């Protein structure tokens, strides 16, 4: 299975999975996306 993450510092991020897998892999990817979103929100609030 191949996973690709494409994104930039100022734009959206996409996660691509090339094959089907077990549910735990999707849960892990979702957890990473949520963690990144929370970190970005915290950084944005600190700038104000």
N, C-alpha and C. Protein backbone atom coordinates (compact mmCIF):
# COMPACT_ATOMS: atom_id res chain seq x y z
N UNK A 1 0.84 -1.17 0.00
CA UNK A 1 0.00 0.00 0.00
C UNK A 1 0.88 1.23 0.00
N UNK A 2 0.51 2.21 -0.79
CA UNK A 2 1.24 3.47 -0.85
C UNK A 2 0.36 4.61 -0.37
N UNK A 3 0.93 5.49 0.43
CA UNK A 3 0.24 6.67 0.91
C UNK A 3 1.05 7.88 0.49
N UNK A 4 0.39 8.85 -0.13
CA UNK A 4 1.05 10.09 -0.52
C UNK A 4 0.35 11.27 0.11
N UNK A 5 1.13 12.19 0.65
CA UNK A 5 0.59 13.40 1.25
C UNK A 5 1.13 14.58 0.46
N UNK A 6 0.22 15.39 -0.08
CA UNK A 6 0.61 16.54 -0.88
C UNK A 6 0.04 17.78 -0.21
N UNK A 7 0.88 18.75 0.04
CA UNK A 7 0.40 19.98 0.65
C UNK A 7 1.50 21.00 0.76
N UNK A 8 1.09 22.20 1.08
CA UNK A 8 2.04 23.29 1.25
C UNK A 8 1.77 24.04 2.53
N UNK A 9 2.65 24.98 2.83
CA UNK A 9 2.52 25.75 4.06
C UNK A 9 1.31 26.67 4.04
N UNK A 10 0.90 27.10 2.86
CA UNK A 10 -0.19 28.07 2.78
C UNK A 10 -1.42 27.55 2.03
N UNK A 11 -1.49 26.27 1.79
CA UNK A 11 -2.61 25.72 1.03
C UNK A 11 -3.16 24.45 1.65
N UNK A 12 -4.16 23.88 1.00
CA UNK A 12 -4.76 22.65 1.53
C UNK A 12 -3.82 21.44 1.39
N UNK A 13 -4.08 20.44 2.20
CA UNK A 13 -3.29 19.21 2.17
C UNK A 13 -4.19 18.06 1.77
N UNK A 14 -3.68 17.18 0.90
CA UNK A 14 -4.43 16.02 0.45
C UNK A 14 -3.68 14.75 0.80
N UNK A 15 -4.44 13.72 1.15
CA UNK A 15 -3.86 12.42 1.45
C UNK A 15 -4.41 11.43 0.44
N UNK A 16 -3.52 10.74 -0.27
CA UNK A 16 -3.91 9.78 -1.29
C UNK A 16 -3.50 8.38 -0.86
N UNK A 17 -4.43 7.42 -0.95
CA UNK A 17 -4.15 6.03 -0.65
C UNK A 17 -4.35 5.25 -1.94
N UNK A 18 -3.33 4.49 -2.35
CA UNK A 18 -3.36 3.85 -3.66
C UNK A 18 -4.09 2.50 -3.67
N UNK A 19 -4.24 1.87 -2.52
CA UNK A 19 -4.94 0.58 -2.48
C UNK A 19 -5.88 0.55 -1.28
N UNK A 20 -6.81 -0.37 -1.30
CA UNK A 20 -7.71 -0.49 -0.16
C UNK A 20 -6.97 -1.20 0.98
N UNK A 21 -7.33 -0.87 2.20
CA UNK A 21 -6.66 -1.44 3.36
C UNK A 21 -7.64 -1.66 4.49
N UNK A 22 -7.07 -1.99 5.62
CA UNK A 22 -7.88 -2.20 6.81
C UNK A 22 -8.36 -0.87 7.38
N UNK A 23 -9.35 -0.95 8.22
CA UNK A 23 -9.94 0.24 8.83
C UNK A 23 -8.96 1.01 9.70
N UNK A 24 -8.03 0.33 10.36
CA UNK A 24 -7.10 1.02 11.25
C UNK A 24 -6.21 2.00 10.52
N UNK A 25 -5.90 1.71 9.27
CA UNK A 25 -5.07 2.64 8.48
C UNK A 25 -5.84 3.92 8.20
N UNK A 26 -7.12 3.78 7.85
CA UNK A 26 -7.93 4.98 7.62
C UNK A 26 -8.09 5.78 8.91
N UNK A 27 -8.23 5.11 10.02
CA UNK A 27 -8.33 5.79 11.31
C UNK A 27 -7.03 6.53 11.64
N UNK A 28 -5.90 5.94 11.34
CA UNK A 28 -4.62 6.58 11.59
C UNK A 28 -4.45 7.82 10.72
N UNK A 29 -4.84 7.73 9.47
CA UNK A 29 -4.76 8.88 8.56
C UNK A 29 -5.69 9.99 9.05
N UNK A 30 -6.89 9.63 9.46
CA UNK A 30 -7.83 10.62 9.96
C UNK A 30 -7.29 11.29 11.22
N UNK A 31 -6.64 10.53 12.09
CA UNK A 31 -6.06 11.10 13.31
C UNK A 31 -4.95 12.09 12.97
N UNK A 32 -4.12 11.77 12.00
CA UNK A 32 -3.05 12.68 11.60
C UNK A 32 -3.65 13.97 11.03
N UNK A 33 -4.67 13.85 10.21
CA UNK A 33 -5.31 15.03 9.63
C UNK A 33 -5.91 15.91 10.73
N UNK A 34 -6.56 15.30 11.70
CA UNK A 34 -7.15 16.06 12.81
C UNK A 34 -6.06 16.75 13.62
N UNK A 35 -4.98 16.07 13.91
CA UNK A 35 -3.89 16.66 14.68
C UNK A 35 -3.29 17.85 13.94
N UNK A 36 -3.06 17.70 12.65
CA UNK A 36 -2.51 18.80 11.85
C UNK A 36 -3.48 19.99 11.86
N UNK A 37 -4.77 19.73 11.72
CA UNK A 37 -5.76 20.81 11.74
C UNK A 37 -5.75 21.53 13.08
N UNK A 38 -5.69 20.80 14.17
CA UNK A 38 -5.67 21.42 15.51
C UNK A 38 -4.42 22.27 15.68
N UNK A 39 -3.28 21.78 15.26
CA UNK A 39 -2.04 22.55 15.37
C UNK A 39 -2.13 23.84 14.56
N UNK A 40 -2.66 23.76 13.35
CA UNK A 40 -2.80 24.96 12.52
C UNK A 40 -3.76 25.97 13.13
N UNK A 41 -4.85 25.49 13.71
CA UNK A 41 -5.81 26.39 14.36
C UNK A 41 -5.17 27.07 15.57
N UNK A 42 -4.42 26.33 16.36
CA UNK A 42 -3.75 26.91 17.53
C UNK A 42 -2.74 27.97 17.09
N UNK A 43 -1.96 27.69 16.06
CA UNK A 43 -0.98 28.66 15.57
C UNK A 43 -1.67 29.92 15.05
N UNK A 44 -2.79 29.75 14.38
CA UNK A 44 -3.51 30.89 13.82
C UNK A 44 -4.07 31.77 14.95
N UNK A 45 -4.56 31.17 16.01
CA UNK A 45 -5.12 31.94 17.14
C UNK A 45 -4.03 32.67 17.91
N UNK A 46 -2.83 32.12 17.98
CA UNK A 46 -1.73 32.77 18.70
C UNK A 46 -1.26 34.02 17.99
N UNK A 47 -1.39 34.07 16.66
CA UNK A 47 -0.94 35.23 15.88
C UNK A 47 -1.80 36.46 16.15
N UNK A 48 -3.04 36.27 16.55
CA UNK A 48 -3.96 37.41 16.75
C UNK A 48 -3.64 38.19 17.99
